[in-house]
Amino acid sequence: MLWVVDSSRAEDPHAPRPQGAERARILVWTKADHAPAPPAVPGWFPAQAPRVMVSARARTGLDSLTRAVAEELDLQRPASGEVGLERVLAARHRDALRGARSHLSDALEALRTGCPLDLAAEALRSALASLEDLAGRTTPEDVLERIFARFCVGK
């Protein structure tokens, strides 16, 4: 978890740990363009934990933040070649990504072999549905709407 602090406002480094802060793993100071140096580290923050200064306006520190998050989540590519992120994703997310990749491959193959465009379009729709499921955009109402649109149910 990121603990985000506005570096343009001074905070008491001796203040007690705020609620929810026990999960903090990376200290992020925002508005680095307003502070010449990092502010004091809260006394409750783990000494070895990464600390990063970022500025959204100046677009600085974002690479450092990305690296710190990747290191914290251990997202480096393992020796087996399998992406480490798969260990973090829920099985449902992994399945949705695999489904999207499969459907995109099907669409590409349909285009390469000269199949009718509607076959490639259907594969792209299926890939989009997998990605929508991953993003949480597919709701039970969407599923029911798809069922009733494609089939005659209840007669």
Protein backbone atom coordinates (compact mmCIF):
# COMPACT_ATOMS: atom_id res chain seq x y z
CA MET A 1 0.00 0.00 0.00
CA LEU A 2 1.17 3.50 -0.76
CA TRP A 3 1.20 6.11 1.97
CA VAL A 4 0.78 9.41 0.13
CA VAL A 5 1.79 12.68 1.79
CA ASP A 6 1.47 16.22 0.44
CA SER A 7 5.06 17.49 0.68
CA SER A 8 3.92 21.10 0.51
CA ARG A 9 2.35 20.75 3.98
CA ALA A 10 4.47 20.04 7.01
CA GLU A 11 3.44 17.03 9.09
CA ASP A 12 4.54 16.15 12.58
CA PRO A 13 7.05 13.26 12.26
CA HIS A 14 6.21 12.26 15.85
CA ALA A 15 2.46 11.99 15.29
CA PRO A 16 0.95 8.58 16.11
CA ARG A 17 0.37 6.15 13.30
CA PRO A 18 -2.92 6.97 11.54
CA GLN A 19 -5.61 4.35 11.09
CA GLY A 20 -4.88 2.15 8.07
CA ALA A 21 -1.19 3.04 8.02
CA GLU A 22 -0.11 -0.39 9.23
CA ARG A 23 -0.37 -1.60 5.61
CA ALA A 24 1.86 1.19 4.26
CA ARG A 25 4.80 -0.19 2.28
CA ILE A 26 5.93 2.80 0.18
CA LEU A 27 6.03 6.42 1.29
CA VAL A 28 5.15 8.79 -1.54
CA TRP A 29 5.59 12.55 -1.20
CA THR A 30 3.54 14.45 -3.76
CA LYS A 31 4.11 17.97 -5.07
CA ALA A 32 7.87 17.48 -5.21
CA ASP A 33 8.05 20.65 -7.33
CA HIS A 34 6.99 22.58 -4.18
CA ALA A 35 9.51 21.03 -1.80
CA PRO A 36 13.29 21.35 -2.27
CA ALA A 37 13.96 18.26 -0.14
CA PRO A 38 11.94 15.35 1.22
CA PRO A 39 10.01 16.23 4.37
CA ALA A 40 10.58 14.36 7.61
CA VAL A 41 9.63 10.69 7.59
CA PRO A 42 6.85 9.81 10.03
CA GLY A 43 8.29 7.97 13.02
CA TRP A 44 5.85 5.08 12.57
CA PHE A 45 6.92 4.43 8.96
CA PRO A 46 9.19 1.35 8.49
CA ALA A 47 12.84 2.42 8.25
CA GLN A 48 13.71 0.17 5.28
CA ALA A 49 10.58 0.95 3.26
CA PRO A 50 11.01 2.79 -0.06
CA ARG A 51 10.43 6.54 -0.19
CA VAL A 52 9.69 8.40 -3.39
CA MET A 53 9.08 12.05 -4.25
CA VAL A 54 6.80 12.67 -7.22
CA SER A 55 5.39 15.65 -9.03
CA ALA A 56 2.37 15.21 -11.25
CA ARG A 57 2.83 18.71 -12.64
CA ALA A 58 6.53 18.32 -13.48
CA ARG A 59 6.08 14.59 -14.24
CA THR A 60 9.07 13.66 -12.09
CA GLY A 61 9.57 10.67 -9.83
CA LEU A 62 6.99 8.54 -11.64
CA ASP A 63 9.62 6.07 -12.89
CA SER A 64 10.97 5.71 -9.35
CA LEU A 65 7.46 5.13 -8.04
CA THR A 66 6.80 2.51 -10.71
CA ARG A 67 10.03 0.69 -9.83
CA ALA A 68 9.26 0.82 -6.11
CA VAL A 69 5.79 -0.63 -6.65
CA ALA A 70 7.14 -3.33 -8.98
CA GLU A 71 9.80 -4.29 -6.45
CA GLU A 72 7.27 -4.34 -3.63
CA LEU A 73 4.96 -6.61 -5.59
CA ASP A 74 7.88 -8.66 -6.89
CA LEU A 75 6.79 -8.24 -10.48
CA GLN A 76 10.18 -8.96 -12.05
CA ARG A 77 10.13 -11.62 -14.74
CA PRO A 78 11.01 -14.98 -13.16
CA ALA A 79 13.61 -17.25 -14.79
CA SER A 80 10.85 -19.46 -16.21
CA GLY A 81 9.77 -16.56 -18.45
CA GLU A 82 6.33 -16.42 -16.86
CA VAL A 83 5.25 -12.93 -15.89
CA GLY A 84 5.36 -12.50 -12.10
CA LEU A 85 2.17 -10.45 -12.19
CA GLU A 86 0.21 -13.67 -12.71
CA ARG A 87 0.94 -14.56 -9.09
CA VAL A 88 -0.80 -11.37 -7.97
CA LEU A 89 -3.88 -11.50 -10.16
CA ALA A 90 -6.92 -13.41 -9.10
CA ALA A 91 -7.65 -16.51 -11.14
CA ARG A 92 -10.67 -14.80 -12.69
CA HIS A 93 -8.50 -11.93 -13.92
CA ARG A 94 -5.91 -14.33 -15.30
CA ASP A 95 -8.62 -16.26 -17.12
CA ALA A 96 -10.09 -13.05 -18.56
CA LEU A 97 -6.67 -11.97 -19.85
CA ARG A 98 -6.01 -15.38 -21.36
CA GLY A 99 -9.44 -15.35 -23.00
CA ALA A 100 -8.86 -11.88 -24.45
CA ARG A 101 -5.47 -12.97 -25.80
CA SER A 102 -6.98 -16.07 -27.36
CA HIS A 103 -9.80 -14.11 -29.00
CA LEU A 104 -7.35 -11.51 -30.32
CA SER A 105 -5.23 -14.31 -31.80
CA ASP A 106 -8.36 -15.72 -33.44
CA ALA A 107 -9.20 -12.32 -34.93
CA LEU A 108 -5.67 -11.87 -36.24
CA GLU A 109 -5.68 -15.35 -37.77
CA ALA A 110 -9.05 -14.67 -39.43
CA LEU A 111 -7.68 -11.48 -40.97
CA ARG A 112 -4.44 -13.15 -42.10
CA THR A 113 -6.23 -16.03 -43.80
CA GLY A 114 -8.82 -13.88 -45.57
CA CYS A 115 -11.86 -15.08 -43.59
CA PRO A 116 -14.97 -12.91 -43.74
CA LEU A 117 -14.62 -9.76 -41.67
CA ASP A 118 -17.64 -10.65 -39.54
CA LEU A 119 -15.69 -13.62 -38.12
CA ALA A 120 -12.81 -11.33 -37.14
CA ALA A 121 -15.29 -8.81 -35.72
CA GLU A 122 -16.94 -11.50 -33.58
CA ALA A 123 -13.54 -12.53 -32.22
CA LEU A 124 -12.81 -8.88 -31.39
CA ARG A 125 -16.19 -8.57 -29.63
CA SER A 126 -15.34 -11.63 -27.56
CA ALA A 127 -11.93 -10.16 -26.67
CA LEU A 128 -13.61 -6.92 -25.63
CA ALA A 129 -16.10 -8.84 -23.48
CA SER A 130 -13.20 -10.58 -21.72
CA LEU A 131 -11.51 -7.24 -21.05
CA GLU A 132 -14.77 -5.71 -19.84
CA ASP A 133 -15.12 -8.61 -17.42
CA LEU A 134 -11.59 -7.94 -16.20
CA ALA A 135 -12.35 -4.24 -15.72
CA GLY A 136 -15.60 -5.03 -13.92
CA ARG A 137 -17.72 -3.40 -16.60
CA THR A 138 -19.77 -6.50 -17.27
CA THR A 139 -22.70 -6.68 -14.91
CA PRO A 140 -25.29 -9.45 -14.46
CA GLU A 141 -27.73 -7.25 -16.38
CA ASP A 142 -25.30 -7.19 -19.32
CA VAL A 143 -25.08 -10.97 -19.25
CA LEU A 144 -28.87 -11.35 -19.21
CA GLU A 145 -29.21 -8.82 -22.02
CA ARG A 146 -26.73 -10.82 -24.13
CA ILE A 147 -28.63 -14.05 -23.47
CA PHE A 148 -32.01 -12.59 -24.38
CA ALA A 149 -30.59 -10.83 -27.46
CA ARG A 150 -29.17 -14.08 -28.89
CA PHE A 151 -31.72 -16.67 -27.83
CA CYS A 152 -35.47 -17.00 -27.63
CA VAL A 153 -35.99 -17.94 -23.99
CA GLY A 154 -39.25 -18.78 -22.24
CA LYS A 155 -41.57 -19.69 -25.13
